[in-house]
N, C-alpha and C. Protein backbone atom coordinates (compact mmCIF):
# COMPACT_ATOMS: atom_id res chain seq x y z
N MET A 1 0.85 -1.18 0.00
CA MET A 1 0.00 0.00 0.00
C MET A 1 0.89 1.24 0.00
N SER A 2 0.63 2.11 -0.92
CA SER A 2 1.43 3.33 -0.96
C SER A 2 0.76 4.40 -0.11
N LYS A 3 1.58 5.33 0.36
CA LYS A 3 1.05 6.42 1.17
C LYS A 3 0.15 7.31 0.33
N PHE A 4 0.45 7.43 -0.97
CA PHE A 4 -0.38 8.24 -1.84
C PHE A 4 -1.78 7.67 -1.97
N ALA A 5 -1.90 6.34 -2.10
CA ALA A 5 -3.21 5.70 -2.21
C ALA A 5 -4.01 5.92 -0.94
N LEU A 6 -3.36 5.88 0.20
CA LEU A 6 -4.04 6.12 1.47
C LEU A 6 -4.57 7.54 1.53
N LYS A 7 -3.78 8.50 1.08
CA LYS A 7 -4.21 9.89 1.11
C LYS A 7 -5.38 10.13 0.18
N VAL A 8 -5.35 9.54 -1.01
CA VAL A 8 -6.42 9.73 -1.98
C VAL A 8 -7.70 9.09 -1.48
N ASP A 9 -7.62 7.88 -0.96
CA ASP A 9 -8.80 7.21 -0.40
C ASP A 9 -9.42 8.04 0.71
N ALA A 10 -8.59 8.45 1.62
CA ALA A 10 -9.09 9.22 2.76
C ALA A 10 -9.71 10.53 2.28
N LEU A 11 -9.17 11.12 1.26
CA LEU A 11 -9.69 12.38 0.74
C LEU A 11 -11.10 12.21 0.18
N TYR A 12 -11.33 11.15 -0.58
CA TYR A 12 -12.66 10.93 -1.14
C TYR A 12 -13.69 10.62 -0.06
N LEU A 13 -13.32 9.82 0.89
CA LEU A 13 -14.22 9.51 1.99
C LEU A 13 -14.52 10.77 2.80
N TYR A 14 -13.50 11.56 3.04
CA TYR A 14 -13.65 12.80 3.79
C TYR A 14 -14.52 13.80 3.03
N LEU A 15 -14.32 13.92 1.72
CA LEU A 15 -15.12 14.86 0.93
C LEU A 15 -16.59 14.50 0.93
N GLY A 16 -16.90 13.21 0.84
CA GLY A 16 -18.29 12.78 0.91
C GLY A 16 -18.92 13.15 2.23
N TYR A 17 -18.20 12.94 3.30
CA TYR A 17 -18.68 13.28 4.64
C TYR A 17 -18.78 14.79 4.81
N LEU A 18 -17.80 15.51 4.29
CA LEU A 18 -17.75 16.96 4.43
C LEU A 18 -18.88 17.65 3.68
N ILE A 19 -19.27 17.13 2.54
CA ILE A 19 -20.36 17.73 1.76
C ILE A 19 -21.63 17.79 2.59
N VAL A 20 -21.93 16.72 3.29
CA VAL A 20 -23.13 16.68 4.12
C VAL A 20 -22.99 17.62 5.31
N GLN A 21 -21.82 17.65 5.92
CA GLN A 21 -21.62 18.48 7.10
C GLN A 21 -21.62 19.97 6.75
N LEU A 22 -21.28 20.32 5.52
CA LEU A 22 -21.28 21.73 5.12
C LEU A 22 -22.66 22.35 5.19
N TYR A 23 -23.69 21.53 5.02
CA TYR A 23 -25.06 22.04 5.11
C TYR A 23 -25.31 22.69 6.46
N SER A 24 -24.86 22.05 7.53
CA SER A 24 -25.05 22.61 8.88
C SER A 24 -24.30 23.92 9.04
N LEU A 25 -23.10 23.97 8.53
CA LEU A 25 -22.29 25.18 8.65
C LEU A 25 -22.91 26.33 7.87
N ILE A 26 -23.35 26.07 6.68
CA ILE A 26 -23.95 27.11 5.84
C ILE A 26 -25.26 27.59 6.45
N SER A 27 -26.05 26.70 7.02
CA SER A 27 -27.31 27.11 7.62
C SER A 27 -27.09 28.01 8.84
N VAL A 28 -26.03 27.75 9.60
CA VAL A 28 -25.72 28.60 10.75
C VAL A 28 -25.26 29.98 10.28
N PHE A 29 -24.41 30.02 9.27
CA PHE A 29 -23.92 31.30 8.78
C PHE A 29 -25.00 32.11 8.10
N SER A 30 -25.99 31.47 7.52
CA SER A 30 -27.05 32.21 6.83
C SER A 30 -28.04 32.84 7.80
N ARG A 31 -28.14 32.32 9.01
CA ARG A 31 -29.09 32.85 9.99
C ARG A 31 -28.49 33.92 10.89
N ASN A 32 -27.22 33.86 11.14
CA ASN A 32 -26.60 34.77 12.10
C ASN A 32 -25.68 35.77 11.42
N GLU A 33 -25.56 36.90 12.05
CA GLU A 33 -24.58 37.88 11.60
C GLU A 33 -23.39 37.77 12.55
N LEU A 34 -22.31 37.22 12.04
CA LEU A 34 -21.14 36.96 12.87
C LEU A 34 -19.96 37.81 12.42
N ALA A 35 -19.07 38.05 13.35
CA ALA A 35 -17.82 38.75 13.02
C ALA A 35 -16.94 37.84 12.18
N ILE A 36 -16.05 38.43 11.41
CA ILE A 36 -15.14 37.67 10.56
C ILE A 36 -14.30 36.71 11.39
N SER A 37 -13.82 37.15 12.55
CA SER A 37 -13.00 36.27 13.38
C SER A 37 -13.80 35.07 13.87
N ALA A 38 -15.09 35.25 14.16
CA ALA A 38 -15.93 34.14 14.58
C ALA A 38 -16.17 33.16 13.43
N ILE A 39 -16.29 33.70 12.23
CA ILE A 39 -16.48 32.84 11.06
C ILE A 39 -15.23 32.01 10.80
N VAL A 40 -14.06 32.64 10.86
CA VAL A 40 -12.80 31.92 10.64
C VAL A 40 -12.60 30.85 11.70
N PHE A 41 -12.88 31.20 12.95
CA PHE A 41 -12.76 30.23 14.04
C PHE A 41 -13.73 29.07 13.83
N SER A 42 -14.95 29.37 13.45
CA SER A 42 -15.96 28.34 13.24
C SER A 42 -15.57 27.39 12.11
N ILE A 43 -15.04 27.94 11.04
CA ILE A 43 -14.62 27.10 9.92
C ILE A 43 -13.45 26.21 10.32
N THR A 44 -12.51 26.76 11.09
CA THR A 44 -11.35 25.98 11.55
C THR A 44 -11.80 24.83 12.45
N VAL A 45 -12.66 25.13 13.39
CA VAL A 45 -13.16 24.08 14.29
C VAL A 45 -13.97 23.06 13.50
N PHE A 46 -14.75 23.52 12.54
CA PHE A 46 -15.55 22.63 11.70
C PHE A 46 -14.68 21.63 10.95
N VAL A 47 -13.61 22.11 10.33
CA VAL A 47 -12.73 21.23 9.56
C VAL A 47 -12.04 20.23 10.48
N ILE A 48 -11.58 20.68 11.63
CA ILE A 48 -10.91 19.77 12.57
C ILE A 48 -11.91 18.75 13.11
N TRP A 49 -13.08 19.20 13.52
CA TRP A 49 -14.07 18.29 14.11
C TRP A 49 -14.56 17.28 13.08
N SER A 50 -14.74 17.71 11.84
CA SER A 50 -15.21 16.78 10.82
C SER A 50 -14.11 15.82 10.37
N PHE A 51 -12.85 16.13 10.68
CA PHE A 51 -11.75 15.23 10.33
C PHE A 51 -11.56 14.11 11.35
N ILE A 52 -12.08 14.27 12.55
CA ILE A 52 -11.90 13.26 13.61
C ILE A 52 -12.35 11.87 13.17
N PRO A 53 -13.51 11.70 12.52
CA PRO A 53 -13.87 10.35 12.07
C PRO A 53 -12.89 9.75 11.07
N MET A 54 -12.20 10.59 10.32
CA MET A 54 -11.24 10.10 9.34
C MET A 54 -10.05 9.41 10.00
N ILE A 55 -9.77 9.74 11.23
CA ILE A 55 -8.66 9.12 11.94
C ILE A 55 -8.88 7.60 12.04
N GLY A 56 -10.12 7.19 12.22
CA GLY A 56 -10.43 5.76 12.26
C GLY A 56 -10.11 5.07 10.96
N TYR A 57 -10.46 5.69 9.85
CA TYR A 57 -10.17 5.11 8.53
C TYR A 57 -8.68 5.05 8.28
N ILE A 58 -8.00 6.14 8.53
CA ILE A 58 -6.55 6.20 8.27
C ILE A 58 -5.81 5.19 9.16
N PHE A 59 -6.18 5.13 10.43
CA PHE A 59 -5.55 4.19 11.36
C PHE A 59 -5.74 2.75 10.90
N ALA A 60 -6.97 2.39 10.53
CA ALA A 60 -7.25 1.02 10.12
C ALA A 60 -6.55 0.68 8.81
N ARG A 61 -6.48 1.62 7.88
CA ARG A 61 -5.78 1.36 6.62
C ARG A 61 -4.30 1.18 6.84
N MET A 62 -3.71 1.95 7.74
CA MET A 62 -2.28 1.83 8.01
C MET A 62 -1.97 0.48 8.67
N ILE A 63 -2.82 0.04 9.57
CA ILE A 63 -2.59 -1.20 10.30
C ILE A 63 -2.90 -2.42 9.43
N SER A 64 -4.04 -2.40 8.77
CA SER A 64 -4.46 -3.58 8.03
C SER A 64 -3.84 -3.67 6.64
N GLY A 65 -3.48 -2.54 6.06
CA GLY A 65 -2.90 -2.55 4.73
C GLY A 65 -3.88 -3.03 3.68
N SER A 66 -5.16 -2.74 3.89
CA SER A 66 -6.18 -3.22 2.95
C SER A 66 -6.04 -2.52 1.60
N GLU A 67 -6.65 -3.14 0.61
CA GLU A 67 -6.54 -2.59 -0.73
C GLU A 67 -7.46 -1.38 -0.91
N THR A 68 -7.21 -0.67 -1.99
CA THR A 68 -7.94 0.55 -2.26
C THR A 68 -9.35 0.25 -2.75
N LEU A 69 -10.30 1.03 -2.30
CA LEU A 69 -11.66 0.91 -2.77
C LEU A 69 -11.90 1.94 -3.87
N ASP A 70 -12.96 1.77 -4.61
CA ASP A 70 -13.30 2.69 -5.68
C ASP A 70 -13.58 4.09 -5.11
N LYS A 71 -13.08 5.10 -5.80
CA LYS A 71 -13.21 6.48 -5.31
C LYS A 71 -14.66 6.92 -5.22
N ARG A 72 -15.46 6.57 -6.21
CA ARG A 72 -16.88 6.96 -6.18
C ARG A 72 -17.62 6.25 -5.05
N PHE A 73 -17.23 5.01 -4.80
CA PHE A 73 -17.83 4.25 -3.71
C PHE A 73 -17.50 4.89 -2.36
N LEU A 74 -16.24 5.30 -2.19
CA LEU A 74 -15.83 5.96 -0.95
C LEU A 74 -16.55 7.30 -0.78
N LEU A 75 -16.68 8.06 -1.87
CA LEU A 75 -17.40 9.33 -1.82
C LEU A 75 -18.85 9.11 -1.40
N ALA A 76 -19.48 8.09 -1.98
CA ALA A 76 -20.87 7.77 -1.64
C ALA A 76 -20.98 7.28 -0.20
N LEU A 77 -20.01 6.50 0.27
CA LEU A 77 -20.04 6.04 1.67
C LEU A 77 -19.90 7.20 2.64
N GLY A 78 -18.97 8.09 2.36
CA GLY A 78 -18.81 9.26 3.21
C GLY A 78 -20.07 10.10 3.24
N PHE A 79 -20.68 10.29 2.09
CA PHE A 79 -21.93 11.05 1.99
C PHE A 79 -23.04 10.36 2.77
N SER A 80 -23.17 9.04 2.60
CA SER A 80 -24.22 8.27 3.27
C SER A 80 -24.05 8.30 4.79
N LEU A 81 -22.82 8.13 5.25
CA LEU A 81 -22.61 8.13 6.71
C LEU A 81 -22.83 9.53 7.29
N GLY A 82 -22.51 10.55 6.54
CA GLY A 82 -22.81 11.92 6.98
C GLY A 82 -24.32 12.13 7.11
N LEU A 83 -25.08 11.61 6.13
CA LEU A 83 -26.54 11.72 6.20
C LEU A 83 -27.09 10.94 7.39
N MET A 84 -26.53 9.74 7.64
CA MET A 84 -26.99 8.95 8.79
C MET A 84 -26.72 9.67 10.10
N GLU A 85 -25.55 10.28 10.21
CA GLU A 85 -25.24 11.01 11.44
C GLU A 85 -26.19 12.19 11.61
N ASN A 86 -26.47 12.92 10.54
CA ASN A 86 -27.41 14.04 10.64
C ASN A 86 -28.82 13.57 10.95
N ALA A 87 -29.19 12.39 10.43
CA ALA A 87 -30.52 11.84 10.71
C ALA A 87 -30.68 11.51 12.19
N LEU A 88 -29.61 11.08 12.84
CA LEU A 88 -29.69 10.80 14.27
C LEU A 88 -30.08 12.05 15.06
N PHE A 89 -29.61 13.20 14.62
CA PHE A 89 -29.96 14.45 15.29
C PHE A 89 -31.33 14.96 14.82
N TYR A 90 -31.63 14.81 13.56
CA TYR A 90 -32.89 15.30 13.02
C TYR A 90 -34.08 14.59 13.66
N PHE A 91 -33.98 13.28 13.86
CA PHE A 91 -35.07 12.51 14.46
C PHE A 91 -34.98 12.45 15.98
N ASP A 92 -34.16 13.30 16.56
CA ASP A 92 -34.01 13.43 18.02
C ASP A 92 -33.58 12.14 18.70
N ILE A 93 -32.86 11.30 18.00
CA ILE A 93 -32.27 10.12 18.62
C ILE A 93 -31.07 10.57 19.45
N LEU A 94 -30.34 11.55 18.92
CA LEU A 94 -29.24 12.18 19.64
C LEU A 94 -29.56 13.66 19.84
N THR A 95 -29.05 14.21 20.92
CA THR A 95 -29.22 15.63 21.19
C THR A 95 -27.89 16.34 20.97
N LYS A 96 -27.91 17.65 21.03
CA LYS A 96 -26.69 18.43 20.82
C LYS A 96 -25.65 18.13 21.91
N GLU A 97 -26.08 17.67 23.07
CA GLU A 97 -25.14 17.30 24.12
C GLU A 97 -24.43 15.99 23.82
N ASN A 98 -24.96 15.20 22.89
CA ASN A 98 -24.39 13.90 22.55
C ASN A 98 -23.70 13.89 21.20
N THR A 99 -23.10 14.99 20.82
CA THR A 99 -22.45 15.03 19.50
C THR A 99 -21.31 14.03 19.41
N TRP A 100 -20.69 13.72 20.52
CA TRP A 100 -19.59 12.75 20.52
C TRP A 100 -20.08 11.37 20.10
N VAL A 101 -21.34 11.05 20.37
CA VAL A 101 -21.88 9.75 19.98
C VAL A 101 -21.98 9.66 18.45
N GLY A 102 -22.46 10.72 17.83
CA GLY A 102 -22.55 10.76 16.38
C GLY A 102 -21.18 10.68 15.73
N THR A 103 -20.22 11.40 16.29
CA THR A 103 -18.85 11.37 15.77
C THR A 103 -18.24 9.99 15.96
N SER A 104 -18.51 9.36 17.11
CA SER A 104 -18.00 8.01 17.36
C SER A 104 -18.62 7.00 16.40
N PHE A 105 -19.90 7.17 16.10
CA PHE A 105 -20.59 6.30 15.16
C PHE A 105 -19.90 6.34 13.79
N VAL A 106 -19.61 7.55 13.32
CA VAL A 106 -18.95 7.70 12.03
C VAL A 106 -17.51 7.21 12.10
N PHE A 107 -16.81 7.47 13.20
CA PHE A 107 -15.43 7.01 13.39
C PHE A 107 -15.36 5.50 13.24
N PHE A 108 -16.21 4.77 13.97
CA PHE A 108 -16.17 3.31 13.92
C PHE A 108 -16.68 2.78 12.58
N SER A 109 -17.60 3.49 11.96
CA SER A 109 -18.05 3.09 10.62
C SER A 109 -16.91 3.21 9.62
N PHE A 110 -16.16 4.31 9.67
CA PHE A 110 -15.01 4.48 8.79
C PHE A 110 -13.94 3.43 9.08
N LEU A 111 -13.77 3.08 10.34
CA LEU A 111 -12.81 2.04 10.72
C LEU A 111 -13.21 0.71 10.09
N ILE A 112 -14.49 0.37 10.14
CA ILE A 112 -14.99 -0.87 9.56
C ILE A 112 -14.84 -0.85 8.04
N ILE A 113 -15.08 0.30 7.42
CA ILE A 113 -14.93 0.42 5.97
C ILE A 113 -13.50 0.10 5.55
N ALA A 114 -12.55 0.51 6.35
CA ALA A 114 -11.15 0.26 6.01
C ALA A 114 -10.74 -1.19 6.24
N ILE A 115 -11.34 -1.84 7.22
CA ILE A 115 -10.97 -3.22 7.56
C ILE A 115 -11.73 -4.24 6.73
N LEU A 116 -12.93 -3.92 6.32
CA LEU A 116 -13.82 -4.86 5.64
C LEU A 116 -13.21 -5.48 4.37
N PRO A 117 -12.55 -4.75 3.48
CA PRO A 117 -11.97 -5.42 2.29
C PRO A 117 -10.99 -6.53 2.65
N ASN A 118 -10.20 -6.36 3.70
CA ASN A 118 -9.28 -7.41 4.12
C ASN A 118 -10.02 -8.62 4.65
N MET A 119 -11.08 -8.38 5.41
CA MET A 119 -11.85 -9.49 5.96
C MET A 119 -12.54 -10.29 4.86
N ILE A 120 -13.04 -9.60 3.85
CA ILE A 120 -13.70 -10.29 2.74
C ILE A 120 -12.68 -11.04 1.89
N LYS A 121 -11.53 -10.46 1.71
CA LYS A 121 -10.46 -11.06 0.89
C LYS A 121 -9.94 -12.36 1.52
N LYS A 122 -9.89 -12.41 2.86
CA LYS A 122 -9.34 -13.58 3.56
C LYS A 122 -10.30 -14.75 3.55
N THR A 123 -11.60 -14.50 3.39
CA THR A 123 -12.57 -15.60 3.42
C THR A 123 -12.74 -16.26 2.09
């Protein structure tokens, strides 16, 4: 496994997830009048917080050395998991105090996505 393939895979998965998460950020900015410094801070925190689930994918890929998945498939998976996480909040299954649960759900899902090709290949 090359480091470049790992970066490209992670990028597509992250972009799919980020597209869904951008909706929340844009909706907050459209309703409030914020200072430029608050906007910059919010965007920085947003990018860092949305990258946390990617650590699970990157960690599992580095350890397992699984093969590369299709880029469109990874983009769709990231998008789907982002929608699932948002649905947990939309249907009041999770509250704003439990954001760590949603992030953990996506973290472990990304971890499984990275390990699953190796598990299927071995059987």
